[in-house]
Amino acid sequence: MNSELVDKIARAVLYEGYILYPYRTSALKNRQRWNFGVLYPEAWAIGQTGSDRSYFQMECLALGGAHSHLNVTLRFLQVVERGAGVQCWQEAIEGSVPIHDLSFDAIVSNPHREEFSFPAAGRGGAYRQEFLEGEVEIRAVLVQDAVFRISVRVRNTAALEKFTRDEALLRSLASAHAVLTVRDGEFVSQTDPPDPLREAAVGCENVGVWPVLVGEEGAHDMLLGSPIILSDYPQIAPESSGDLFDGTEIDEILSLRILTMTDAEKAEMRQSDERAKEILDRLEANPAEHLMQLHGAIRGMRSQLGIDLRNASSAWAEAPQSTSTRISGIDVKKGDRVRLRPGKRADIFDTLLDGRTAVVEAIEQDYEDNVHVAVVIEDDPGRDLGEMRQAGHRFFFSGSEIEPIPSDSSGCDIDL
């Protein structure tokens, strides 16, 4: 069990959407938060016509027997309120309910129910935390020989006196999800179950969360009941240096946007939330090399040259400089001068770059096995940024959209 890897994924789920760019209280998107995995008080959820609910249910298949045991950990954020009036801001503290060492046989015959509560604090002051309570029910059903359907149902049982969304949120479990581990047994993928268990997997009912295998790929000892859509074995990119509270976004784009904020915008960001302040402090302290690590990493692909393109810049550095590839009948290698002849006219750049001279920076292959020539414009004042693989100074063309500029016998390029 790779607990560090699982903790990173669970933390990303926990804080997904906690606060979004531009990370300021004045931003409209940060006035209506807590959109993922919120379990409201039942009195609020019953009165709503949308997707607001007071419970989630996670069901999955597990292989095991008399010696198999289950651990379940409910994780969530408890919403707390700081300030008052127009300066009011909702923050959160982490909460968890661990339930350990439940034997499969025991929860088949006697479902496990456990109540939990978290006390109120700070009433009447600048910090307000309301009483929170709920219930976890865990049961198992033997569906085939040595195959169990495990069910985890989490319900918010908190009372609600004032029927407003903010009041309901203060008594809600935000970003609620569950982490399951098994000893002397293994979980079955709910996304891609083996054929003999496919019908039984279809019989599992999941509401508000979806179970995915987590940990090292191929491991079957841990499941995450996620309120956001994930595939089995999700991963946080190793290039990411910390939380941006938007694990489905691109770290590079967010980082660059944050760094280009005005001083006034940064000051508001620092005052909005301690976690937002930490983002800004971390990014401003990061060396420039950090942004390079975020740009251009490709995994699971190979070029026509047989070069591993998981990191295109290092792949080309390891390749012989004389190595070339043939694209659309043209021999091309890194460093070649070419003339651009865009054929698609897909955007304004296809018009502006027509006839311009460029230098081949790399040759890359996408997931559909299409080969692209990455170029930098020869007379671009920001050419160095293109060579650093920065957006806006590096462009992609097919082999049919470039014309090699030949050299004479002395090695000098001939502009035709």
Protein backbone atom coordinates (compact mmCIF):
# COMPACT_ATOMS: atom_id res chain seq x y z
CA MET A 1 0.00 0.00 0.00
CA ASN A 2 1.50 3.32 -1.11
CA SER A 3 -0.06 5.56 1.56
CA GLU A 4 1.81 8.70 0.42
CA LEU A 5 0.45 8.41 -3.13
CA VAL A 6 -3.07 7.77 -1.84
CA ASP A 7 -2.88 10.71 0.58
CA LYS A 8 -2.01 13.06 -2.29
CA ILE A 9 -5.01 11.92 -4.30
CA ALA A 10 -7.37 12.08 -1.32
CA ARG A 11 -6.13 15.58 -0.44
CA ALA A 12 -6.67 16.76 -4.03
CA VAL A 13 -10.25 15.45 -3.86
CA LEU A 14 -10.75 17.04 -0.44
CA TYR A 15 -9.76 20.51 -1.64
CA GLU A 16 -11.02 20.39 -5.24
CA GLY A 17 -12.73 23.74 -5.78
CA TYR A 18 -11.99 25.00 -2.23
CA ILE A 19 -11.05 28.38 -3.70
CA LEU A 20 -10.51 29.13 -7.39
CA TYR A 21 -8.46 31.54 -9.47
CA PRO A 22 -8.23 34.53 -9.01
CA TYR A 23 -8.32 33.35 -5.36
CA ARG A 24 -10.01 36.50 -4.08
CA THR A 25 -13.16 37.05 -2.03
CA SER A 26 -14.42 39.60 -4.56
CA ALA A 27 -14.45 37.00 -7.39
CA LEU A 28 -17.99 35.79 -8.11
CA LYS A 29 -16.87 32.16 -8.47
CA ASN A 30 -15.58 32.27 -4.88
CA ARG A 31 -18.88 33.49 -3.48
CA GLN A 32 -20.67 30.23 -4.37
CA ARG A 33 -18.28 27.47 -3.37
CA TRP A 34 -18.40 23.93 -1.98
CA ASN A 35 -19.82 22.38 -5.13
CA PHE A 36 -18.34 18.88 -4.79
CA GLY A 37 -19.44 16.17 -2.40
CA VAL A 38 -21.51 18.33 -0.04
CA LEU A 39 -23.76 16.40 2.35
CA TYR A 40 -26.33 18.91 3.62
CA PRO A 41 -28.61 18.54 6.64
CA GLU A 42 -31.56 16.39 5.64
CA ALA A 43 -34.06 19.19 6.31
CA TRP A 44 -32.31 21.34 3.68
CA ALA A 45 -31.81 18.60 1.09
CA ILE A 46 -35.47 17.52 1.18
CA GLY A 47 -36.61 21.05 0.34
CA GLN A 48 -34.35 21.40 -2.72
CA THR A 49 -35.20 20.36 -6.27
CA GLY A 50 -31.59 20.11 -7.50
CA SER A 51 -28.82 17.67 -6.65
CA ASP A 52 -28.40 18.72 -3.02
CA ARG A 53 -28.42 15.57 -0.90
CA SER A 54 -27.83 14.61 2.71
CA TYR A 55 -26.08 11.28 2.08
CA PHE A 56 -23.80 9.35 -0.20
CA GLN A 57 -23.68 5.62 -0.86
CA MET A 58 -20.63 3.75 -2.08
CA GLU A 59 -20.89 0.12 -3.21
CA CYS A 60 -18.15 -2.08 -4.59
CA LEU A 61 -17.12 -5.72 -4.90
CA ALA A 62 -14.42 -7.33 -2.79
CA LEU A 63 -12.91 -10.81 -2.90
CA GLY A 64 -12.32 -12.34 0.50
CA GLY A 65 -13.26 -14.82 3.14
CA ALA A 66 -13.39 -15.47 6.86
CA HIS A 67 -10.07 -13.71 7.54
CA SER A 68 -10.75 -10.60 5.44
CA HIS A 69 -11.05 -7.28 7.25
CA LEU A 70 -12.13 -3.82 6.14
CA ASN A 71 -11.06 -0.33 7.20
CA VAL A 72 -13.19 2.69 6.28
CA THR A 73 -12.22 6.35 6.72
CA LEU A 74 -14.72 9.10 6.06
CA ARG A 75 -13.00 12.39 5.16
CA PHE A 76 -14.59 15.80 4.71
CA LEU A 77 -14.24 19.54 5.25
CA GLN A 78 -16.23 21.29 7.95
CA VAL A 79 -17.20 24.79 6.83
CA VAL A 80 -16.44 27.58 9.31
CA GLU A 81 -17.22 31.27 9.05
CA ARG A 82 -14.75 34.09 9.58
CA GLY A 83 -15.82 37.71 9.96
CA ALA A 84 -19.30 39.16 9.56
CA GLY A 85 -21.43 41.08 7.06
CA VAL A 86 -19.81 41.95 3.75
CA GLN A 87 -16.42 40.77 5.09
CA CYS A 88 -17.76 37.28 5.87
CA TRP A 89 -15.68 34.46 4.42
CA GLN A 90 -16.13 30.69 4.66
CA GLU A 91 -13.05 28.62 5.39
CA ALA A 92 -12.77 24.97 6.35
CA ILE A 93 -11.12 22.56 8.73
CA GLU A 94 -10.46 18.92 7.93
CA GLY A 95 -12.51 16.23 9.59
CA SER A 96 -12.31 12.44 9.51
CA VAL A 97 -14.08 9.44 10.99
CA PRO A 98 -11.88 6.31 11.01
CA ILE A 99 -13.52 2.89 11.42
CA HIS A 100 -11.10 -0.01 11.66
CA ASP A 101 -10.93 -3.78 11.51
CA LEU A 102 -14.38 -4.88 10.44
CA SER A 103 -14.47 -8.54 9.40
CA PHE A 104 -16.43 -9.35 6.26
CA ASP A 105 -18.35 -12.10 8.03
CA ALA A 106 -19.35 -9.79 10.89
CA ILE A 107 -20.85 -7.06 8.70
CA VAL A 108 -22.73 -9.66 6.62
CA SER A 109 -24.67 -10.80 9.64
CA ASN A 110 -24.67 -7.52 11.57
CA PRO A 111 -24.18 -4.19 9.68
CA HIS A 112 -21.90 -1.77 11.49
CA ARG A 113 -23.42 1.62 12.40
CA GLU A 114 -21.41 4.41 13.93
CA GLU A 115 -22.54 7.90 14.89
CA PHE A 116 -20.13 10.84 14.93
CA SER A 117 -20.28 14.49 15.97
CA PHE A 118 -18.08 17.58 16.01
CA PRO A 119 -18.79 20.35 18.54
CA ALA A 120 -19.67 23.98 17.84
CA ALA A 121 -17.09 26.66 18.59
CA GLY A 122 -16.62 30.40 18.44
CA ARG A 123 -20.28 31.46 18.46
CA GLY A 124 -20.79 35.23 18.51
CA GLY A 125 -17.17 36.05 17.67
CA ALA A 126 -15.15 36.50 14.51
CA TYR A 127 -14.98 32.72 14.06
CA ARG A 128 -18.08 30.52 13.88
CA GLN A 129 -18.18 26.73 13.80
CA GLU A 130 -21.53 24.98 14.12
CA PHE A 131 -22.36 21.59 15.60
CA LEU A 132 -22.05 18.77 13.08
CA GLU A 133 -23.24 15.19 13.34
CA GLY A 134 -23.83 12.21 11.13
CA GLU A 135 -23.90 8.45 10.78
CA VAL A 136 -21.90 5.83 8.89
CA GLU A 137 -23.42 2.46 8.03
CA ILE A 138 -21.26 -0.36 6.63
CA ARG A 139 -22.61 -3.69 5.47
CA ALA A 140 -21.64 -6.62 3.26
CA VAL A 141 -23.63 -9.10 1.17
CA LEU A 142 -22.22 -12.37 -0.18
CA VAL A 143 -23.15 -12.30 -3.89
CA GLN A 144 -21.00 -15.23 -5.08
CA ASP A 145 -18.62 -17.67 -3.49
CA ALA A 146 -15.89 -15.49 -1.90
CA VAL A 147 -17.31 -12.35 -3.58
CA PHE A 148 -18.85 -9.67 -1.33
CA ARG A 149 -20.73 -6.48 -2.15
CA ILE A 150 -19.51 -3.87 0.33
CA SER A 151 -21.81 -0.94 1.02
CA VAL A 152 -20.84 2.28 2.83
CA ARG A 153 -23.58 4.84 3.44
CA VAL A 154 -22.80 8.20 5.07
CA ARG A 155 -25.63 10.46 6.23
CA ASN A 156 -25.71 13.98 7.66
CA THR A 157 -28.08 14.02 10.64
CA ALA A 158 -27.46 17.61 11.81
CA ALA A 159 -30.47 19.74 12.71
CA LEU A 160 -31.14 23.00 10.84
CA GLU A 161 -33.02 25.99 12.27
CA LYS A 162 -32.47 28.75 9.67
CA PHE A 163 -33.18 27.68 6.09
CA THR A 164 -30.53 29.55 4.12
CA ARG A 165 -27.72 27.98 2.10
CA ASP A 166 -25.00 29.56 4.24
CA GLU A 167 -26.60 28.23 7.43
CA ALA A 168 -26.99 24.80 5.82
CA LEU A 169 -23.34 24.81 4.72
CA LEU A 170 -22.15 25.48 8.26
CA ARG A 171 -23.81 22.18 9.23
CA SER A 172 -22.68 20.23 6.15
CA LEU A 173 -19.90 17.80 5.26
CA ALA A 174 -18.14 19.38 2.26
CA SER A 175 -16.01 17.34 -0.17
CA ALA A 176 -17.15 14.20 1.64
CA HIS A 177 -15.53 10.99 0.45
CA ALA A 178 -14.44 7.62 1.79
CA VAL A 179 -11.19 5.66 1.66
CA LEU A 180 -11.48 1.87 2.01
CA THR A 181 -8.64 -0.57 2.63
CA VAL A 182 -8.81 -4.35 2.83
CA ARG A 183 -6.61 -6.92 4.58
CA ASP A 184 -6.50 -10.53 3.35
CA GLY A 185 -8.69 -9.69 0.40
CA GLU A 186 -8.85 -7.45 -2.66
CA PHE A 187 -11.20 -4.97 -4.29
CA VAL A 188 -12.59 -5.31 -7.81
CA SER A 189 -12.51 -2.41 -10.25
CA GLN A 190 -15.99 -0.96 -10.50
CA THR A 191 -14.99 0.87 -13.70
CA ASP A 192 -13.60 -2.19 -15.51
CA PRO A 193 -14.59 -5.37 -13.66
CA PRO A 194 -13.51 -8.78 -15.00
CA ASP A 195 -16.14 -10.47 -17.16
CA PRO A 196 -17.19 -13.09 -14.55
CA LEU A 197 -18.00 -10.27 -12.10
CA ARG A 198 -19.40 -7.71 -14.52
CA GLU A 199 -23.04 -8.47 -13.75
CA ALA A 200 -22.41 -8.29 -10.01
CA ALA A 201 -20.59 -4.96 -10.48
CA VAL A 202 -23.56 -3.56 -12.40
CA GLY A 203 -25.70 -4.44 -9.37
CA CYS A 204 -23.68 -2.05 -7.16
CA GLU A 205 -25.50 1.22 -6.49
CA ASN A 206 -23.36 4.34 -6.08
CA VAL A 207 -24.94 7.69 -5.20
CA GLY A 208 -22.87 10.86 -4.96
CA VAL A 209 -19.50 9.08 -5.17
CA TRP A 210 -17.77 6.61 -7.47
CA PRO A 211 -15.25 3.98 -6.27
CA VAL A 212 -11.86 3.91 -7.99
CA LEU A 213 -8.78 1.84 -7.24
CA VAL A 214 -5.94 3.95 -5.84
CA GLY A 215 -2.26 3.39 -5.10
CA GLU A 216 0.35 1.78 -7.31
CA GLU A 217 -1.13 0.61 -10.61
CA GLY A 218 -2.16 -3.02 -10.30
CA ALA A 219 -2.79 -2.85 -6.54
CA HIS A 220 -6.23 -3.91 -5.31
CA ASP A 221 -6.08 -3.18 -1.60
CA MET A 222 -7.48 0.37 -1.54
CA LEU A 223 -10.50 2.21 -2.97
CA LEU A 224 -11.44 5.86 -3.01
CA GLY A 225 -15.11 6.80 -3.11
CA SER A 226 -14.70 10.07 -5.03
CA PRO A 227 -17.32 12.83 -5.50
CA ILE A 228 -15.55 13.90 -8.71
CA ILE A 229 -15.04 11.74 -11.80
CA LEU A 230 -11.75 9.83 -11.70
CA SER A 231 -10.36 6.75 -13.38
CA ASP A 232 -8.68 3.88 -11.56
CA TYR A 233 -5.21 4.76 -10.24
CA PRO A 234 -5.40 8.55 -10.56
CA GLN A 235 -2.13 10.40 -10.00
CA ILE A 236 -0.96 13.88 -9.16
CA ALA A 237 1.65 14.99 -11.69
CA PRO A 238 5.10 14.86 -10.03
CA GLU A 239 5.89 18.29 -11.51
CA SER A 240 3.19 19.90 -9.33
CA SER A 241 4.77 21.56 -6.30
CA GLY A 242 1.65 22.07 -4.21
CA ASP A 243 -2.08 22.71 -4.01
CA LEU A 244 -3.83 25.05 -6.43
CA PHE A 245 -7.25 23.63 -5.40
CA ASP A 246 -8.02 22.72 -9.00
CA GLY A 247 -6.47 19.32 -9.61
CA THR A 248 -8.21 18.99 -12.97
CA GLU A 249 -6.61 22.18 -14.32
CA ILE A 250 -3.14 22.84 -15.70
CA ASP A 251 -0.66 23.99 -13.06
CA GLU A 252 1.40 25.99 -15.55
CA ILE A 253 -1.52 28.13 -16.70
CA LEU A 254 -2.68 28.85 -13.15
CA SER A 255 0.84 29.59 -11.94
CA LEU A 256 1.54 32.05 -14.76
CA ARG A 257 -1.80 33.81 -14.27
CA ILE A 258 -1.21 34.19 -10.54
CA LEU A 259 2.29 35.60 -11.06
CA THR A 260 0.96 38.22 -13.52
CA MET A 261 -1.58 39.64 -11.04
CA THR A 262 -1.22 43.28 -10.06
CA ASP A 263 0.12 44.17 -6.62
CA ALA A 264 -3.39 45.17 -5.53
CA GLU A 265 -4.81 41.83 -6.69
CA LYS A 266 -2.06 39.93 -4.89
CA ALA A 267 -2.72 41.90 -1.71
CA GLU A 268 -6.41 40.92 -1.83
CA MET A 269 -5.46 37.31 -2.52
CA ARG A 270 -3.23 37.26 0.57
CA GLN A 271 -6.02 38.69 2.71
CA SER A 272 -8.73 36.35 1.38
CA ASP A 273 -7.63 33.04 2.87
CA GLU A 274 -4.53 31.61 4.53
CA ARG A 275 -4.41 28.80 1.96
CA ALA A 276 -4.57 31.32 -0.90
CA LYS A 277 -1.75 33.29 0.72
CA GLU A 278 0.33 30.11 0.86
CA ILE A 279 -0.17 29.56 -2.89
CA LEU A 280 1.08 33.05 -3.72
CA ASP A 281 4.02 32.90 -1.32
CA ARG A 282 5.08 29.53 -2.73
CA LEU A 283 4.86 30.58 -6.37
CA GLU A 284 6.75 33.83 -5.82
CA ALA A 285 9.52 31.92 -4.03
CA ASN A 286 9.79 29.18 -6.68
CA PRO A 287 12.81 29.40 -9.00
CA ALA A 288 12.21 29.89 -12.73
CA GLU A 289 13.21 26.26 -13.31
CA HIS A 290 9.96 25.20 -11.64
CA LEU A 291 7.87 26.55 -14.53
CA MET A 292 10.05 24.64 -16.97
CA GLN A 293 9.19 21.42 -15.12
CA LEU A 294 5.50 22.16 -15.66
CA HIS A 295 5.83 22.66 -19.40
CA GLY A 296 5.97 19.99 -22.07
CA ALA A 297 5.98 16.76 -20.06
CA ILE A 298 4.50 13.93 -22.14
CA ARG A 299 4.03 10.39 -20.85
CA GLY A 300 3.29 7.08 -22.52
CA MET A 301 4.25 8.06 -26.08
CA ARG A 302 7.11 7.30 -28.46
CA SER A 303 8.28 9.17 -31.54
CA GLN A 304 8.91 7.55 -34.93
CA LEU A 305 12.59 7.69 -34.00
CA GLY A 306 11.97 5.37 -31.07
CA ILE A 307 12.80 8.19 -28.63
CA ASP A 308 10.94 8.17 -25.32
CA LEU A 309 8.94 11.41 -25.28
CA ARG A 310 7.85 11.41 -21.66
CA ASN A 311 9.96 14.53 -21.38
CA ALA A 312 10.53 15.90 -24.85
CA SER A 313 13.39 18.26 -23.95
CA SER A 314 15.52 15.57 -22.30
CA ALA A 315 14.63 13.07 -25.04
CA TRP A 316 16.08 15.31 -27.73
CA ALA A 317 19.14 16.04 -25.59
CA GLU A 318 19.87 12.30 -25.49
CA ALA A 319 19.28 11.82 -29.24
CA PRO A 320 22.18 12.18 -31.71
CA GLN A 321 22.02 15.58 -33.38
CA SER A 322 22.39 13.95 -36.82
CA THR A 323 19.32 11.77 -36.31
CA SER A 324 16.43 12.73 -38.59
CA THR A 325 12.95 11.52 -39.31
CA ARG A 326 10.91 11.52 -42.49
CA ILE A 327 7.55 13.29 -42.40
CA SER A 328 5.36 13.62 -45.48
CA GLY A 329 8.35 12.77 -47.65
CA ILE A 330 10.61 15.34 -45.97
CA ASP A 331 13.68 14.58 -43.86
CA VAL A 332 13.53 16.76 -40.74
CA LYS A 333 15.72 17.03 -37.68
CA LYS A 334 16.04 19.38 -34.74
CA GLY A 335 17.82 22.60 -35.70
CA ASP A 336 16.72 22.60 -39.37
CA ARG A 337 15.56 25.89 -40.88
CA VAL A 338 12.18 25.62 -42.56
CA ARG A 339 9.65 27.90 -44.22
CA LEU A 340 6.11 27.73 -42.92
CA ARG A 341 3.20 27.07 -45.28
CA PRO A 342 0.12 26.66 -43.02
CA GLY A 343 -2.62 24.84 -44.90
CA LYS A 344 -5.60 24.84 -42.55
CA ARG A 345 -6.14 28.55 -41.85
CA ALA A 346 -7.57 27.51 -38.50
CA ASP A 347 -6.69 30.76 -36.75
CA ILE A 348 -4.97 34.13 -37.22
CA PHE A 349 -1.53 32.59 -36.65
CA ASP A 350 -1.90 30.49 -39.80
CA THR A 351 -2.14 33.73 -41.75
CA LEU A 352 0.51 35.69 -39.85
CA LEU A 353 3.11 32.90 -39.99
CA ASP A 354 2.64 32.00 -43.65
CA GLY A 355 6.02 32.31 -45.39
CA ARG A 356 7.96 32.96 -42.17
CA THR A 357 11.27 31.23 -41.51
CA ALA A 358 11.39 28.97 -38.46
CA VAL A 359 13.75 26.55 -36.73
CA VAL A 360 12.71 23.02 -35.80
CA GLU A 361 12.73 22.72 -32.01
CA ALA A 362 11.37 19.17 -31.66
CA ILE A 363 9.35 16.44 -33.37
CA GLU A 364 6.52 15.06 -31.27
CA GLN A 365 3.77 12.48 -31.57
CA ASP A 366 0.26 12.77 -30.11
CA TYR A 367 -1.99 10.08 -28.70
CA GLU A 368 -3.46 9.40 -32.15
CA ASP A 369 0.04 8.74 -33.57
CA ASN A 370 0.07 11.99 -35.55
CA VAL A 371 3.56 13.46 -35.87
CA HIS A 372 3.97 17.22 -35.38
CA VAL A 373 6.95 19.49 -36.01
CA ALA A 374 7.45 22.00 -33.19
CA VAL A 375 9.13 25.20 -34.37
CA VAL A 376 10.25 28.58 -33.08
CA ILE A 377 10.12 31.62 -35.36
CA GLU A 378 13.64 32.59 -36.41
CA ASP A 379 13.30 36.37 -35.92
CA ASP A 380 10.93 36.21 -32.94
CA PRO A 381 12.27 38.55 -30.18
CA GLY A 382 10.90 36.00 -27.75
CA ARG A 383 12.49 33.02 -29.49
CA ASP A 384 14.30 32.08 -26.28
CA LEU A 385 10.89 31.62 -24.65
CA GLY A 386 9.88 29.27 -27.45
CA GLU A 387 13.06 27.29 -26.92
CA MET A 388 12.07 27.13 -23.26
CA ARG A 389 8.72 25.71 -24.47
CA GLN A 390 6.64 28.66 -23.35
CA ALA A 391 3.18 29.14 -24.83
CA GLY A 392 2.85 31.75 -27.60
CA HIS A 393 6.39 31.36 -28.92
CA ARG A 394 6.34 27.71 -29.99
CA PHE A 395 4.12 26.43 -32.80
CA PHE A 396 3.18 23.05 -34.27
CA PHE A 397 2.81 22.11 -37.93
CA SER A 398 2.43 18.93 -39.93
CA GLY A 399 5.11 17.80 -42.37
CA SER A 400 3.03 19.04 -45.31
CA GLU A 401 3.03 22.57 -43.87
CA ILE A 402 6.81 23.11 -43.82
CA GLU A 403 9.39 23.54 -46.58
CA PRO A 404 13.03 22.74 -45.74
CA ILE A 405 15.47 25.55 -46.57
CA PRO A 406 18.41 23.83 -48.32
CA SER A 407 22.08 24.53 -47.54
CA ASP A 408 24.89 24.88 -50.08
CA SER A 409 28.01 22.69 -50.00
CA SER A 410 29.69 25.03 -47.51
CA GLY A 411 26.91 24.45 -45.04
CA CYS A 412 25.35 27.90 -45.51
CA ASP A 413 21.59 28.05 -45.77
CA ILE A 414 20.18 29.16 -49.10
CA ASP A 415 17.04 31.33 -48.89
CA LEU A 416 15.03 30.71 -52.01
